[in-house]
Amino acid sequence: MPKMRRKAELPSKICVSCGRPFAWRKAWAKIWDEVKYCSDRCRSERRGPSAR
């Protein structure tokens, strides 16, 4: 069994839509390089950070 990691040790990105940081999730393990949005809500809005 793999060693457990703290959330602070996981990679993170900045959401393209809302500009907030979000951490790696196991569901995104195979597509982490393609993930741009922190949630389905941000993905459906698809607005730039300057549109706030």
PDB file of N, CA and C in Angstrom:
ATOM      1  N   MET A   1       0.844  -1.182   0.000  1.00  0.00           N
ATOM      2  CA  MET A   1       0.000   0.000   0.000  1.00  0.00           C
ATOM      3  C   MET A   1       0.893   1.249   0.000  1.00  0.00           C
ATOM      4  N   PRO A   2       0.547   2.258  -0.834  1.00  0.00           N
ATOM      5  CA  PRO A   2       1.370   3.462  -0.904  1.00  0.00           C
ATOM      6  C   PRO A   2       1.325   4.282   0.385  1.00  0.00           C
ATOM      7  N   LYS A   3       2.397   5.007   0.583  1.00  0.00           N
ATOM      8  CA  LYS A   3       2.500   5.880   1.755  1.00  0.00           C
ATOM      9  C   LYS A   3       1.489   7.022   1.639  1.00  0.00           C
ATOM     10  N   MET A   4       0.827   7.350   2.725  1.00  0.00           N
ATOM     11  CA  MET A   4      -0.145   8.443   2.732  1.00  0.00           C
ATOM     12  C   MET A   4       0.605   9.773   2.652  1.00  0.00           C
ATOM     13  N   ARG A   5       0.021  10.746   1.945  1.00  0.00           N
ATOM     14  CA  ARG A   5       0.614  12.068   1.811  1.00  0.00           C
ATOM     15  C   ARG A   5      -0.331  13.104   2.403  1.00  0.00           C
ATOM     16  N   ARG A   6       0.251  14.113   2.960  1.00  0.00           N
ATOM     17  CA  ARG A   6      -0.559  15.223   3.454  1.00  0.00           C
ATOM     18  C   ARG A   6      -1.032  16.058   2.272  1.00  0.00           C
ATOM     19  N   LYS A   7      -2.159  16.740   2.435  1.00  0.00           N
ATOM     20  CA  LYS A   7      -2.707  17.534   1.351  1.00  0.00           C
ATOM     21  C   LYS A   7      -1.733  18.627   0.899  1.00  0.00           C
ATOM     22  N   ALA A   8      -0.969  19.164   1.831  1.00  0.00           N
ATOM     23  CA  ALA A   8       0.003  20.202   1.489  1.00  0.00           C
ATOM     24  C   ALA A   8       1.127  19.669   0.595  1.00  0.00           C
ATOM     25  N   GLU A   9       1.366  18.368   0.615  1.00  0.00           N
ATOM     26  CA  GLU A   9       2.421  17.763  -0.193  1.00  0.00           C
ATOM     27  C   GLU A   9       1.963  17.441  -1.613  1.00  0.00           C
ATOM     28  N   LEU A  10       0.658  17.484  -1.871  1.00  0.00           N
ATOM     29  CA  LEU A  10       0.131  17.165  -3.190  1.00  0.00           C
ATOM     30  C   LEU A  10       0.340  18.347  -4.143  1.00  0.00           C
ATOM     31  N   PRO A  11       0.467  18.061  -5.446  1.00  0.00           N
ATOM     32  CA  PRO A  11       0.612  19.159  -6.399  1.00  0.00           C
ATOM     33  C   PRO A  11      -0.669  19.989  -6.464  1.00  0.00           C
ATOM     34  N   SER A  12      -0.531  21.252  -6.836  1.00  0.00           N
ATOM     35  CA  SER A  12      -1.698  22.111  -6.948  1.00  0.00           C
ATOM     36  C   SER A  12      -1.591  22.974  -8.196  1.00  0.00           C
ATOM     37  N   LYS A  13      -2.730  23.554  -8.593  1.00  0.00           N
ATOM     38  CA  LYS A  13      -2.810  24.445  -9.748  1.00  0.00           C
ATOM     39  C   LYS A  13      -3.734  25.598  -9.399  1.00  0.00           C
ATOM     40  N   ILE A  14      -3.768  26.590 -10.266  1.00  0.00           N
ATOM     41  CA  ILE A  14      -4.676  27.724 -10.133  1.00  0.00           C
ATOM     42  C   ILE A  14      -5.789  27.546 -11.169  1.00  0.00           C
ATOM     43  N   CYS A  15      -7.025  27.681 -10.741  1.00  0.00           N
ATOM     44  CA  CYS A  15      -8.182  27.533 -11.631  1.00  0.00           C
ATOM     45  C   CYS A  15      -8.197  28.666 -12.653  1.00  0.00           C
ATOM     46  N   VAL A  16      -8.413  28.322 -13.918  1.00  0.00           N
ATOM     47  CA  VAL A  16      -8.434  29.297 -15.001  1.00  0.00           C
ATOM     48  C   VAL A  16      -9.653  30.210 -14.870  1.00  0.00           C
ATOM     49  N   SER A  17     -10.743  29.701 -14.354  1.00  0.00           N
ATOM     50  CA  SER A  17     -11.983  30.457 -14.271  1.00  0.00           C
ATOM     51  C   SER A  17     -12.042  31.381 -13.060  1.00  0.00           C
ATOM     52  N   CYS A  18     -11.853  30.842 -11.864  1.00  0.00           N
ATOM     53  CA  CYS A  18     -12.028  31.643 -10.649  1.00  0.00           C
ATOM     54  C   CYS A  18     -10.723  32.142 -10.044  1.00  0.00           C
ATOM     55  N   GLY A  19      -9.593  31.571 -10.445  1.00  0.00           N
ATOM     56  CA  GLY A  19      -8.300  32.028  -9.949  1.00  0.00           C
ATOM     57  C   GLY A  19      -7.908  31.468  -8.591  1.00  0.00           C
ATOM     58  N   ARG A  20      -8.673  30.547  -8.069  1.00  0.00           N
ATOM     59  CA  ARG A  20      -8.367  29.946  -6.765  1.00  0.00           C
ATOM     60  C   ARG A  20      -7.471  28.724  -6.935  1.00  0.00           C
ATOM     61  N   PRO A  21      -6.614  28.452  -5.958  1.00  0.00           N
ATOM     62  CA  PRO A  21      -5.785  27.247  -6.029  1.00  0.00           C
ATOM     63  C   PRO A  21      -6.613  26.001  -5.705  1.00  0.00           C
ATOM     64  N   PHE A  22      -6.279  24.892  -6.357  1.00  0.00           N
ATOM     65  CA  PHE A  22      -6.916  23.616  -6.047  1.00  0.00           C
ATOM     66  C   PHE A  22      -5.874  22.514  -6.088  1.00  0.00           C
ATOM     67  N   ALA A  23      -6.096  21.473  -5.298  1.00  0.00           N
ATOM     68  CA  ALA A  23      -5.114  20.396  -5.146  1.00  0.00           C
ATOM     69  C   ALA A  23      -5.459  19.189  -6.020  1.00  0.00           C
ATOM     70  N   TRP A  24      -4.468  18.371  -6.239  1.00  0.00           N
ATOM     71  CA  TRP A  24      -4.591  17.127  -6.987  1.00  0.00           C
ATOM     72  C   TRP A  24      -5.629  16.225  -6.347  1.00  0.00           C
ATOM     73  N   ARG A  25      -6.388  15.523  -7.172  1.00  0.00           N
ATOM     74  CA  ARG A  25      -7.363  14.530  -6.700  1.00  0.00           C
ATOM     75  C   ARG A  25      -7.084  13.212  -7.393  1.00  0.00           C
ATOM     76  N   LYS A  26      -7.393  12.131  -6.706  1.00  0.00           N
ATOM     77  CA  LYS A  26      -7.129  10.808  -7.257  1.00  0.00           C
ATOM     78  C   LYS A  26      -7.867  10.592  -8.581  1.00  0.00           C
ATOM     79  N   ALA A  27      -9.059  11.153  -8.704  1.00  0.00           N
ATOM     80  CA  ALA A  27      -9.830  11.024  -9.936  1.00  0.00           C
ATOM     81  C   ALA A  27      -9.121  11.662 -11.126  1.00  0.00           C
ATOM     82  N   TRP A  28      -8.253  12.633 -10.860  1.00  0.00           N
ATOM     83  CA  TRP A  28      -7.528  13.325 -11.915  1.00  0.00           C
ATOM     84  C   TRP A  28      -6.136  12.743 -12.147  1.00  0.00           C
ATOM     85  N   ALA A  29      -5.815  11.618 -11.575  1.00  0.00           N
ATOM     86  CA  ALA A  29      -4.458  11.064 -11.628  1.00  0.00           C
ATOM     87  C   ALA A  29      -3.954  10.881 -13.063  1.00  0.00           C
ATOM     88  N   LYS A  30      -4.784  10.373 -13.950  1.00  0.00           N
ATOM     89  CA  LYS A  30      -4.336  10.097 -15.320  1.00  0.00           C
ATOM     90  C   LYS A  30      -4.384  11.316 -16.226  1.00  0.00           C
ATOM     91  N   ILE A  31      -5.157  12.344 -15.850  1.00  0.00           N
ATOM     92  CA  ILE A  31      -5.325  13.503 -16.725  1.00  0.00           C
ATOM     93  C   ILE A  31      -4.890  14.809 -16.058  1.00  0.00           C
ATOM     94  N   TRP A  32      -4.030  14.744 -15.052  1.00  0.00           N
ATOM     95  CA  TRP A  32      -3.648  15.939 -14.286  1.00  0.00           C
ATOM     96  C   TRP A  32      -3.107  17.060 -15.174  1.00  0.00           C
ATOM     97  N   ASP A  33      -2.383  16.729 -16.224  1.00  0.00           N
ATOM     98  CA  ASP A  33      -1.821  17.754 -17.111  1.00  0.00           C
ATOM     99  C   ASP A  33      -2.907  18.501 -17.880  1.00  0.00           C
ATOM    100  N   GLU A  34      -4.067  17.881 -18.058  1.00  0.00           N
ATOM    101  CA  GLU A  34      -5.161  18.481 -18.820  1.00  0.00           C
ATOM    102  C   GLU A  34      -6.147  19.260 -17.948  1.00  0.00           C
ATOM    103  N   VAL A  35      -6.113  19.078 -16.634  1.00  0.00           N
ATOM    104  CA  VAL A  35      -7.066  19.718 -15.731  1.00  0.00           C
ATOM    105  C   VAL A  35      -6.785  21.219 -15.654  1.00  0.00           C
ATOM    106  N   LYS A  36      -7.840  22.035 -15.881  1.00  0.00           N
ATOM    107  CA  LYS A  36      -7.706  23.490 -15.851  1.00  0.00           C
ATOM    108  C   LYS A  36      -8.634  24.138 -14.827  1.00  0.00           C
ATOM    109  N   TYR A  37      -9.730  23.463 -14.502  1.00  0.00           N
ATOM    110  CA  TYR A  37     -10.756  24.046 -13.649  1.00  0.00           C
ATOM    111  C   TYR A  37     -10.878  23.276 -12.339  1.00  0.00           C
ATOM    112  N   CYS A  38     -11.233  23.982 -11.271  1.00  0.00           N
ATOM    113  CA  CYS A  38     -11.315  23.362  -9.955  1.00  0.00           C
ATOM    114  C   CYS A  38     -12.622  22.598  -9.736  1.00  0.00           C
ATOM    115  N   SER A  39     -13.658  22.907 -10.506  1.00  0.00           N
ATOM    116  CA  SER A  39     -14.962  22.273 -10.303  1.00  0.00           C
ATOM    117  C   SER A  39     -15.766  22.272 -11.595  1.00  0.00           C
ATOM    118  N   ASP A  40     -16.869  21.540 -11.582  1.00  0.00           N
ATOM    119  CA  ASP A  40     -17.770  21.522 -12.730  1.00  0.00           C
ATOM    120  C   ASP A  40     -18.390  22.901 -12.944  1.00  0.00           C
ATOM    121  N   ARG A  41     -18.657  23.616 -11.871  1.00  0.00           N
ATOM    122  CA  ARG A  41     -19.236  24.949 -11.978  1.00  0.00           C
ATOM    123  C   ARG A  41     -18.298  25.886 -12.739  1.00  0.00           C
ATOM    124  N   CYS A  42     -17.022  25.888 -12.385  1.00  0.00           N
ATOM    125  CA  CYS A  42     -16.051  26.732 -13.080  1.00  0.00           C
ATOM    126  C   CYS A  42     -15.895  26.296 -14.532  1.00  0.00           C
ATOM    127  N   ARG A  43     -15.912  25.006 -14.768  1.00  0.00           N
ATOM    128  CA  ARG A  43     -15.773  24.504 -16.135  1.00  0.00           C
ATOM    129  C   ARG A  43     -16.949  24.933 -16.998  1.00  0.00           C
ATOM    130  N   SER A  44     -18.164  24.935 -16.429  1.00  0.00           N
ATOM    131  CA  SER A  44     -19.332  25.309 -17.211  1.00  0.00           C
ATOM    132  C   SER A  44     -19.393  26.818 -17.456  1.00  0.00           C
ATOM    133  N   GLU A  45     -18.852  27.631 -16.560  1.00  0.00           N
ATOM    134  CA  GLU A  45     -18.855  29.085 -16.746  1.00  0.00           C
ATOM    135  C   GLU A  45     -17.815  29.514 -17.778  1.00  0.00           C
ATOM    136  N   ARG A  46     -16.639  28.904 -17.749  1.00  0.00           N
ATOM    137  CA  ARG A  46     -15.554  29.148 -18.698  1.00  0.00           C
ATOM    138  C   ARG A  46     -15.314  30.624 -18.986  1.00  0.00           C
ATOM    139  N   ARG A  47     -15.095  31.359 -17.949  1.00  0.00           N
ATOM    140  CA  ARG A  47     -14.754  32.769 -18.122  1.00  0.00           C
ATOM    141  C   ARG A  47     -13.333  32.997 -17.635  1.00  0.00           C
ATOM    142  N   GLY A  48     -12.688  34.013 -18.142  1.00  0.00           N
ATOM    143  CA  GLY A  48     -11.315  34.320 -17.770  1.00  0.00           C
ATOM    144  C   GLY A  48     -11.239  34.983 -16.411  1.00  0.00           C
ATOM    145  N   PRO A  49     -10.055  35.037 -15.791  1.00  0.00           N
ATOM    146  CA  PRO A  49      -9.903  35.658 -14.475  1.00  0.00           C
ATOM    147  C   PRO A  49     -10.148  37.165 -14.486  1.00  0.00           C
ATOM    148  N   SER A  50     -10.023  37.813 -15.630  1.00  0.00           N
ATOM    149  CA  SER A  50     -10.232  39.258 -15.697  1.00  0.00           C
ATOM    150  C   SER A  50     -11.715  39.632 -15.763  1.00  0.00           C
ATOM    151  N   ALA A  51     -12.600  38.661 -15.940  1.00  0.00           N
ATOM    152  CA  ALA A  51     -14.041  38.918 -16.068  1.00  0.00           C
ATOM    153  C   ALA A  51     -14.750  38.994 -14.726  1.00  0.00           C
ATOM    154  N   ARG A  52     -14.019  39.044 -13.639  1.00  0.00           N
ATOM    155  CA  ARG A  52     -14.636  39.062 -12.308  1.00  0.00           C
ATOM    156  C   ARG A  52     -15.393  40.303 -12.051  1.00  0.00           C
TER     157      ARG A  52
END
